[in-house]
Amino acid sequence: VMSKVMEMFQPSAVVLQCGSDSLSGDRLGCFNLTIKGHAKCVEFVKSFNLPMLMLGGGGYTIRNVARCWTYETAVALDTEIPNELPYNDYLNTWTRFKLHISPSNMTNQNTNEYLEKIKQRLFETLRMLPHAPGVQMQAIPEDAIPEESGDEDEDDPDKRISICSSDKRIACEEEFSDSEEEGEGGRKNSSNFKKAKRVKTEDEKEKDPEEKKEVTEEEKTKEEKPEAKGVKEEVKLA
C-alpha cells in the first residue's frame, strides 16, 4: 500500500509518526506487534531514500514505549544495539532487563482475504485521486504602485487622458456631503449660531458714553409709544 501511495503522491519528504500503542501488552491497544515488527515500518519507509522526520505518538505501557523508540532510533541510524539493557541507575525498573518483548498468545484474526479486500479498496481510492497533486499556486499582487498611477504632474498636458484615468477621478455621490451652509436656504439655522453679547461691567459702561446715549434713546421711544397710543384712542372717542 505504501509503495502505491509513494507512486501517486511522489513526496519530497516524509513525516513518520511512530505511535507504539499497537505493541503487544499495551493498556489501550488491541494489537499484538513486537518491537521488531513495529520497526519494520521504519525500515520500509526509510528504503525510499527520502528525507524523513520521525515523531512519537501513542503508547500507554511506558516501559515498552521507551524500548520501541530506542530500537527504532537505532534502525534509523543503521546502528546495531544489544538486546541486554546496559547497566544504569534505573535498571531495577526493568523487570526482564531485555530490550525486546515477546508477543502474547492472542489469536490473529486478520485473514488473508480480509487484508486483500482492504488493500484493493485502498488502491481504488488512490486511483480516483489525481496523479502526484501539487500545491496550489496563486498569483500575489505586487506591492509597488503601478506606473500608470504615478505622478500626474509629469504627464504631458497635450496628451489625451485615457478612459481608465478619467474613471479613477470620478467620486461616488455618497462619498462626499455638501456643507451645511451650501444650497438654497441651507441646513444650518443661523439664528441658533449667533454670538451672544457679553454683558459689560460698570467700568466698561462708563468708558462707553455712546452706548449710554443709545440706552436713553431707547427708553424715550418706549415712553413715547404709549403716549401716542393714548392720543389715538382719544381721537376715536371724539
Foldseek 3Di string as FASTA:
>chain_A
DVVLVCQQAVDQEEEAEQEDCQDAPFPPHDHFDKLVRSLVVVVVVVVVVHHYHYHYHHTHPVLLSVLNVVVSVCVNVVHDDAQAADDDPCCVVDVVRGSIDDTDPDDDPCDPVNVVVVVVVVVVVSVPDHGNDDDDDDDDDDPDDDPVPDDPVPDDPVDDDDPVVVVVPDDDPVPDDDDQQDDVPGNDDVVVVDDDDDDDDPVVPVVDVVVVVVVVVVVVVVVVVVVVVVVVVVVVVD
